[in-house]
Amino acid sequence: MDQGVGAAARLPESDRKDLAIQALARSETVSDLAAQHGVSRKFVYQQTHKARAALDDAFSSTLRAARCCSSWR
């Protein structure tokens, strides 16, 4: 095992996504999620922030596209 690499660095992308989804859904506390995955609460908050930003961007892009293209109809 790499001594210099923490659990967060080894966490697969799919697990990072699942962790962020669970945190956004507030299905469990951030402390519990961190403990279950062997990562820090800070890491959970960072992943949650990334997921929220991606969702915000996806929906704001959709809204901009709808406004832009509504005049085409």
PDB file of N, CA and C in Angstrom:
ATOM      1  N   MET A   1       0.848  -1.177   0.000  1.00  0.00           N
ATOM      2  CA  MET A   1       0.000   0.000   0.000  1.00  0.00           C
ATOM      3  C   MET A   1       0.891   1.237   0.000  1.00  0.00           C
ATOM      4  N   ASP A   2       0.476   2.277  -0.700  1.00  0.00           N
ATOM      5  CA  ASP A   2       1.227   3.532  -0.727  1.00  0.00           C
ATOM      6  C   ASP A   2       1.053   4.257   0.592  1.00  0.00           C
ATOM      7  N   GLN A   3       2.176   4.527   1.266  1.00  0.00           N
ATOM      8  CA  GLN A   3       2.081   5.201   2.551  1.00  0.00           C
ATOM      9  C   GLN A   3       1.715   6.668   2.414  1.00  0.00           C
ATOM     10  N   GLY A   4       2.098   7.303   1.308  1.00  0.00           N
ATOM     11  CA  GLY A   4       1.848   8.726   1.132  1.00  0.00           C
ATOM     12  C   GLY A   4       0.498   9.054   0.537  1.00  0.00           C
ATOM     13  N   VAL A   5      -0.290   8.038   0.204  1.00  0.00           N
ATOM     14  CA  VAL A   5      -1.574   8.269  -0.447  1.00  0.00           C
ATOM     15  C   VAL A   5      -2.695   7.955   0.537  1.00  0.00           C
ATOM     16  N   GLY A   6      -3.557   8.942   0.785  1.00  0.00           N
ATOM     17  CA  GLY A   6      -4.658   8.767   1.718  1.00  0.00           C
ATOM     18  C   GLY A   6      -5.841   8.053   1.094  1.00  0.00           C
ATOM     19  N   ALA A   7      -6.804   7.748   1.931  1.00  0.00           N
ATOM     20  CA  ALA A   7      -8.009   7.041   1.481  1.00  0.00           C
ATOM     21  C   ALA A   7      -8.774   7.847   0.439  1.00  0.00           C
ATOM     22  N   ALA A   8      -8.809   9.164   0.603  1.00  0.00           N
ATOM     23  CA  ALA A   8      -9.537  10.009  -0.349  1.00  0.00           C
ATOM     24  C   ALA A   8      -8.934   9.917  -1.742  1.00  0.00           C
ATOM     25  N   ALA A   9      -7.609   9.876  -1.816  1.00  0.00           N
ATOM     26  CA  ALA A   9      -6.934   9.800  -3.121  1.00  0.00           C
ATOM     27  C   ALA A   9      -7.181   8.456  -3.794  1.00  0.00           C
ATOM     28  N   ARG A  10      -7.399   7.418  -3.004  1.00  0.00           N
ATOM     29  CA  ARG A  10      -7.629   6.075  -3.555  1.00  0.00           C
ATOM     30  C   ARG A  10      -9.098   5.800  -3.853  1.00  0.00           C
ATOM     31  N   LEU A  11      -9.979   6.684  -3.434  1.00  0.00           N
ATOM     32  CA  LEU A  11     -11.414   6.467  -3.611  1.00  0.00           C
ATOM     33  C   LEU A  11     -11.767   6.579  -5.095  1.00  0.00           C
ATOM     34  N   PRO A  12     -12.365   5.538  -5.666  1.00  0.00           N
ATOM     35  CA  PRO A  12     -12.740   5.582  -7.089  1.00  0.00           C
ATOM     36  C   PRO A  12     -13.734   6.706  -7.383  1.00  0.00           C
ATOM     37  N   GLU A  13     -13.723   7.155  -8.617  1.00  0.00           N
ATOM     38  CA  GLU A  13     -14.609   8.251  -9.038  1.00  0.00           C
ATOM     39  C   GLU A  13     -16.073   7.937  -8.752  1.00  0.00           C
ATOM     40  N   SER A  14     -16.475   6.712  -9.008  1.00  0.00           N
ATOM     41  CA  SER A  14     -17.883   6.347  -8.780  1.00  0.00           C
ATOM     42  C   SER A  14     -18.242   6.451  -7.294  1.00  0.00           C
ATOM     43  N   ASP A  15     -17.312   6.091  -6.420  1.00  0.00           N
ATOM     44  CA  ASP A  15     -17.563   6.213  -4.980  1.00  0.00           C
ATOM     45  C   ASP A  15     -17.612   7.675  -4.554  1.00  0.00           C
ATOM     46  N   ARG A  16     -16.797   8.507  -5.192  1.00  0.00           N
ATOM     47  CA  ARG A  16     -16.830   9.946  -4.899  1.00  0.00           C
ATOM     48  C   ARG A  16     -18.199  10.525  -5.259  1.00  0.00           C
ATOM     49  N   LYS A  17     -18.714  10.120  -6.408  1.00  0.00           N
ATOM     50  CA  LYS A  17     -20.030  10.587  -6.843  1.00  0.00           C
ATOM     51  C   LYS A  17     -21.110  10.125  -5.880  1.00  0.00           C
ATOM     52  N   ASP A  18     -21.066   8.846  -5.507  1.00  0.00           N
ATOM     53  CA  ASP A  18     -22.064   8.308  -4.578  1.00  0.00           C
ATOM     54  C   ASP A  18     -21.999   9.031  -3.238  1.00  0.00           C
ATOM     55  N   LEU A  19     -20.793   9.292  -2.781  1.00  0.00           N
ATOM     56  CA  LEU A  19     -20.605  10.009  -1.521  1.00  0.00           C
ATOM     57  C   LEU A  19     -21.242  11.399  -1.582  1.00  0.00           C
ATOM     58  N   ALA A  20     -21.001  12.096  -2.681  1.00  0.00           N
ATOM     59  CA  ALA A  20     -21.558  13.440  -2.849  1.00  0.00           C
ATOM     60  C   ALA A  20     -23.085  13.399  -2.927  1.00  0.00           C
ATOM     61  N   ILE A  21     -23.619  12.426  -3.620  1.00  0.00           N
ATOM     62  CA  ILE A  21     -25.077  12.290  -3.739  1.00  0.00           C
ATOM     63  C   ILE A  21     -25.700  12.033  -2.375  1.00  0.00           C
ATOM     64  N   GLN A  22     -25.074  11.154  -1.602  1.00  0.00           N
ATOM     65  CA  GLN A  22     -25.595  10.871  -0.263  1.00  0.00           C
ATOM     66  C   GLN A  22     -25.533  12.113   0.624  1.00  0.00           C
ATOM     67  N   ALA A  23     -24.460  12.870   0.499  1.00  0.00           N
ATOM     68  CA  ALA A  23     -24.328  14.091   1.304  1.00  0.00           C
ATOM     69  C   ALA A  23     -25.367  15.128   0.878  1.00  0.00           C
ATOM     70  N   LEU A  24     -25.571  15.280  -0.428  1.00  0.00           N
ATOM     71  CA  LEU A  24     -26.580  16.224  -0.909  1.00  0.00           C
ATOM     72  C   LEU A  24     -27.982  15.814  -0.462  1.00  0.00           C
ATOM     73  N   ALA A  25     -28.240  14.519  -0.456  1.00  0.00           N
ATOM     74  CA  ALA A  25     -29.552  14.006  -0.059  1.00  0.00           C
ATOM     75  C   ALA A  25     -29.744  14.054   1.451  1.00  0.00           C
ATOM     76  N   ARG A  26     -28.654  14.274   2.160  1.00  0.00           N
ATOM     77  CA  ARG A  26     -28.682  14.293   3.637  1.00  0.00           C
ATOM     78  C   ARG A  26     -29.267  13.011   4.198  1.00  0.00           C
ATOM     79  N   SER A  27     -28.941  11.905   3.521  1.00  0.00           N
ATOM     80  CA  SER A  27     -29.422  10.605   3.989  1.00  0.00           C
ATOM     81  C   SER A  27     -28.703  10.172   5.262  1.00  0.00           C
ATOM     82  N   GLU A  28     -27.485  10.689   5.457  1.00  0.00           N
ATOM     83  CA  GLU A  28     -26.710  10.428   6.665  1.00  0.00           C
ATOM     84  C   GLU A  28     -25.909  11.681   6.981  1.00  0.00           C
ATOM     85  N   THR A  29     -25.381  11.742   8.175  1.00  0.00           N
ATOM     86  CA  THR A  29     -24.573  12.909   8.523  1.00  0.00           C
ATOM     87  C   THR A  29     -23.242  12.860   7.779  1.00  0.00           C
ATOM     88  N   VAL A  30     -22.648  14.028   7.616  1.00  0.00           N
ATOM     89  CA  VAL A  30     -21.341  14.109   6.964  1.00  0.00           C
ATOM     90  C   VAL A  30     -20.322  13.304   7.763  1.00  0.00           C
ATOM     91  N   SER A  31     -20.404  13.370   9.058  1.00  0.00           N
ATOM     92  CA  SER A  31     -19.481  12.603   9.916  1.00  0.00           C
ATOM     93  C   SER A  31     -19.619  11.106   9.664  1.00  0.00           C
ATOM     94  N   ASP A  32     -20.851  10.617   9.578  1.00  0.00           N
ATOM     95  CA  ASP A  32     -21.074   9.190   9.324  1.00  0.00           C
ATOM     96  C   ASP A  32     -20.562   8.785   7.942  1.00  0.00           C
ATOM     97  N   LEU A  33     -20.836   9.606   6.939  1.00  0.00           N
ATOM     98  CA  LEU A  33     -20.364   9.304   5.584  1.00  0.00           C
ATOM     99  C   LEU A  33     -18.840   9.262   5.541  1.00  0.00           C
ATOM    100  N   ALA A  34     -18.210  10.222   6.193  1.00  0.00           N
ATOM    101  CA  ALA A  34     -16.746  10.265   6.224  1.00  0.00           C
ATOM    102  C   ALA A  34     -16.186   9.013   6.889  1.00  0.00           C
ATOM    103  N   ALA A  35     -16.771   8.628   7.991  1.00  0.00           N
ATOM    104  CA  ALA A  35     -16.300   7.447   8.711  1.00  0.00           C
ATOM    105  C   ALA A  35     -16.483   6.172   7.880  1.00  0.00           C
ATOM    106  N   GLN A  36     -17.615   6.048   7.214  1.00  0.00           N
ATOM    107  CA  GLN A  36     -17.895   4.862   6.399  1.00  0.00           C
ATOM    108  C   GLN A  36     -16.893   4.703   5.255  1.00  0.00           C
ATOM    109  N   HIS A  37     -16.459   5.822   4.692  1.00  0.00           N
ATOM    110  CA  HIS A  37     -15.557   5.789   3.536  1.00  0.00           C
ATOM    111  C   HIS A  37     -14.096   5.982   3.923  1.00  0.00           C
ATOM    112  N   GLY A  38     -13.842   6.220   5.197  1.00  0.00           N
ATOM    113  CA  GLY A  38     -12.470   6.391   5.668  1.00  0.00           C
ATOM    114  C   GLY A  38     -11.823   7.667   5.168  1.00  0.00           C
ATOM    115  N   VAL A  39     -12.625   8.716   5.033  1.00  0.00           N
ATOM    116  CA  VAL A  39     -12.131  10.004   4.557  1.00  0.00           C
ATOM    117  C   VAL A  39     -12.488  11.075   5.579  1.00  0.00           C
ATOM    118  N   SER A  40     -11.968  12.266   5.382  1.00  0.00           N
ATOM    119  CA  SER A  40     -12.258  13.365   6.299  1.00  0.00           C
ATOM    120  C   SER A  40     -13.601  14.014   5.956  1.00  0.00           C
ATOM    121  N   ARG A  41     -14.148  14.711   6.944  1.00  0.00           N
ATOM    122  CA  ARG A  41     -15.376  15.479   6.700  1.00  0.00           C
ATOM    123  C   ARG A  41     -15.115  16.560   5.659  1.00  0.00           C
ATOM    124  N   LYS A  42     -13.911  17.137   5.701  1.00  0.00           N
ATOM    125  CA  LYS A  42     -13.542  18.159   4.719  1.00  0.00           C
ATOM    126  C   LYS A  42     -13.649  17.601   3.301  1.00  0.00           C
ATOM    127  N   PHE A  43     -13.186  16.367   3.108  1.00  0.00           N
ATOM    128  CA  PHE A  43     -13.265  15.745   1.791  1.00  0.00           C
ATOM    129  C   PHE A  43     -14.723  15.566   1.356  1.00  0.00           C
ATOM    130  N   VAL A  44     -15.571  15.152   2.290  1.00  0.00           N
ATOM    131  CA  VAL A  44     -16.997  14.983   1.967  1.00  0.00           C
ATOM    132  C   VAL A  44     -17.589  16.327   1.542  1.00  0.00           C
ATOM    133  N   TYR A  45     -17.269  17.379   2.292  1.00  0.00           N
ATOM    134  CA  TYR A  45     -17.764  18.711   1.934  1.00  0.00           C
ATOM    135  C   TYR A  45     -17.241  19.150   0.569  1.00  0.00           C
ATOM    136  N   GLN A  46     -15.979  18.841   0.264  1.00  0.00           N
ATOM    137  CA  GLN A  46     -15.414  19.209  -1.040  1.00  0.00           C
ATOM    138  C   GLN A  46     -16.149  18.495  -2.173  1.00  0.00           C
ATOM    139  N   GLN A  47     -16.410  17.211  -2.000  1.00  0.00           N
ATOM    140  CA  GLN A  47     -17.115  16.455  -3.030  1.00  0.00           C
ATOM    141  C   GLN A  47     -18.556  16.946  -3.179  1.00  0.00           C
ATOM    142  N   THR A  48     -19.167  17.298  -2.063  1.00  0.00           N
ATOM    143  CA  THR A  48     -20.524  17.833  -2.096  1.00  0.00           C
ATOM    144  C   THR A  48     -20.561  19.157  -2.853  1.00  0.00           C
ATOM    145  N   HIS A  49     -19.568  19.996  -2.602  1.00  0.00           N
ATOM    146  CA  HIS A  49     -19.490  21.286  -3.296  1.00  0.00           C
ATOM    147  C   HIS A  49     -19.335  21.078  -4.805  1.00  0.00           C
ATOM    148  N   LYS A  50     -18.481  20.142  -5.204  1.00  0.00           N
ATOM    149  CA  LYS A  50     -18.301  19.853  -6.639  1.00  0.00           C
ATOM    150  C   LYS A  50     -19.604  19.383  -7.275  1.00  0.00           C
ATOM    151  N   ALA A  51     -20.308  18.506  -6.571  1.00  0.00           N
ATOM    152  CA  ALA A  51     -21.571  17.974  -7.108  1.00  0.00           C
ATOM    153  C   ALA A  51     -22.623  19.070  -7.213  1.00  0.00           C
ATOM    154  N   ARG A  52     -22.707  19.901  -6.183  1.00  0.00           N
ATOM    155  CA  ARG A  52     -23.692  20.999  -6.209  1.00  0.00           C
ATOM    156  C   ARG A  52     -23.368  21.973  -7.346  1.00  0.00           C
ATOM    157  N   ALA A  53     -22.098  22.274  -7.540  1.00  0.00           N
ATOM    158  CA  ALA A  53     -21.695  23.180  -8.620  1.00  0.00           C
ATOM    159  C   ALA A  53     -22.033  22.583  -9.986  1.00  0.00           C
ATOM    160  N   ALA A  54     -21.825  21.280 -10.132  1.00  0.00           N
ATOM    161  CA  ALA A  54     -22.149  20.615 -11.400  1.00  0.00           C
ATOM    162  C   ALA A  54     -23.651  20.638 -11.658  1.00  0.00           C
ATOM    163  N   LEU A  55     -24.438  20.398 -10.614  1.00  0.00           N
ATOM    164  CA  LEU A  55     -25.893  20.462 -10.763  1.00  0.00           C
ATOM    165  C   LEU A  55     -26.359  21.875 -11.096  1.00  0.00           C
ATOM    166  N   ASP A  56     -25.810  22.852 -10.388  1.00  0.00           N
ATOM    167  CA  ASP A  56     -26.171  24.241 -10.656  1.00  0.00           C
ATOM    168  C   ASP A  56     -25.835  24.618 -12.092  1.00  0.00           C
ATOM    169  N   ASP A  57     -24.673  24.199 -12.547  1.00  0.00           N
ATOM    170  CA  ASP A  57     -24.248  24.501 -13.915  1.00  0.00           C
ATOM    171  C   ASP A  57     -25.148  23.806 -14.936  1.00  0.00           C
ATOM    172  N   ALA A  58     -25.480  22.560 -14.675  1.00  0.00           N
ATOM    173  CA  ALA A  58     -26.328  21.814 -15.609  1.00  0.00           C
ATOM    174  C   ALA A  58     -27.699  22.459 -15.748  1.00  0.00           C
ATOM    175  N   PHE A  59     -28.266  22.870 -14.642  1.00  0.00           N
ATOM    176  CA  PHE A  59     -29.604  23.445 -14.701  1.00  0.00           C
ATOM    177  C   PHE A  59     -29.595  24.885 -15.186  1.00  0.00           C
ATOM    178  N   SER A  60     -28.556  25.629 -14.884  1.00  0.00           N
ATOM    179  CA  SER A  60     -28.508  26.999 -15.392  1.00  0.00           C
ATOM    180  C   SER A  60     -28.228  26.990 -16.891  1.00  0.00           C
ATOM    181  N   SER A  61     -27.460  26.027 -17.371  1.00  0.00           N
ATOM    182  CA  SER A  61     -27.212  25.889 -18.812  1.00  0.00           C
ATOM    183  C   SER A  61     -28.504  25.539 -19.540  1.00  0.00           C
ATOM    184  N   THR A  62     -29.298  24.677 -18.942  1.00  0.00           N
ATOM    185  CA  THR A  62     -30.584  24.291 -19.522  1.00  0.00           C
ATOM    186  C   THR A  62     -31.511  25.495 -19.592  1.00  0.00           C
ATOM    187  N   LEU A  63     -31.524  26.277 -18.544  1.00  0.00           N
ATOM    188  CA  LEU A  63     -32.372  27.462 -18.513  1.00  0.00           C
ATOM    189  C   LEU A  63     -31.934  28.469 -19.571  1.00  0.00           C
ATOM    190  N   ARG A  64     -30.613  28.680 -19.691  1.00  0.00           N
ATOM    191  CA  ARG A  64     -30.105  29.602 -20.719  1.00  0.00           C
ATOM    192  C   ARG A  64     -30.459  29.105 -22.114  1.00  0.00           C
ATOM    193  N   ALA A  65     -30.337  27.804 -22.333  1.00  0.00           N
ATOM    194  CA  ALA A  65     -30.651  27.240 -23.648  1.00  0.00           C
ATOM    195  C   ALA A  65     -32.133  27.378 -23.946  1.00  0.00           C
ATOM    196  N   ALA A  66     -32.976  27.171 -22.950  1.00  0.00           N
ATOM    197  CA  ALA A  66     -34.419  27.306 -23.148  1.00  0.00           C
ATOM    198  C   ALA A  66     -34.791  28.735 -23.504  1.00  0.00           C
ATOM    199  N   ARG A  67     -34.173  29.703 -22.829  1.00  0.00           N
ATOM    200  CA  ARG A  67     -34.449  31.103 -23.118  1.00  0.00           C
ATOM    201  C   ARG A  67     -33.965  31.463 -24.513  1.00  0.00           C
ATOM    202  N   CYS A  68     -32.798  30.978 -24.859  1.00  0.00           N
ATOM    203  CA  CYS A  68     -32.193  31.284 -26.150  1.00  0.00           C
ATOM    204  C   CYS A  68     -33.028  30.738 -27.305  1.00  0.00           C
ATOM    205  N   CYS A  69     -33.464  29.498 -27.141  1.00  0.00           N
ATOM    206  CA  CYS A  69     -34.112  28.816 -28.242  1.00  0.00           C
ATOM    207  C   CYS A  69     -35.618  29.005 -28.282  1.00  0.00           C
ATOM    208  N   SER A  70     -36.203  29.611 -27.261  1.00  0.00           N
ATOM    209  CA  SER A  70     -37.647  29.796 -27.246  1.00  0.00           C
ATOM    210  C   SER A  70     -38.112  30.723 -28.364  1.00  0.00           C
ATOM    211  N   SER A  71     -37.234  31.599 -28.799  1.00  0.00           N
ATOM    212  CA  SER A  71     -37.600  32.526 -29.883  1.00  0.00           C
ATOM    213  C   SER A  71     -37.590  31.816 -31.245  1.00  0.00           C
ATOM    214  N   TRP A  72     -37.036  30.610 -31.312  1.00  0.00           N
ATOM    215  CA  TRP A  72     -36.969  29.865 -32.572  1.00  0.00           C
ATOM    216  C   TRP A  72     -38.298  29.220 -32.916  1.00  0.00           C
ATOM    217  N   ARG A  73     -39.177  29.111 -31.954  1.00  0.00           N
ATOM    218  CA  ARG A  73     -40.428  28.369 -32.178  1.00  0.00           C
ATOM    219  C   ARG A  73     -41.442  29.199 -32.897  1.00  0.00           C
TER     220      ARG A  73
END
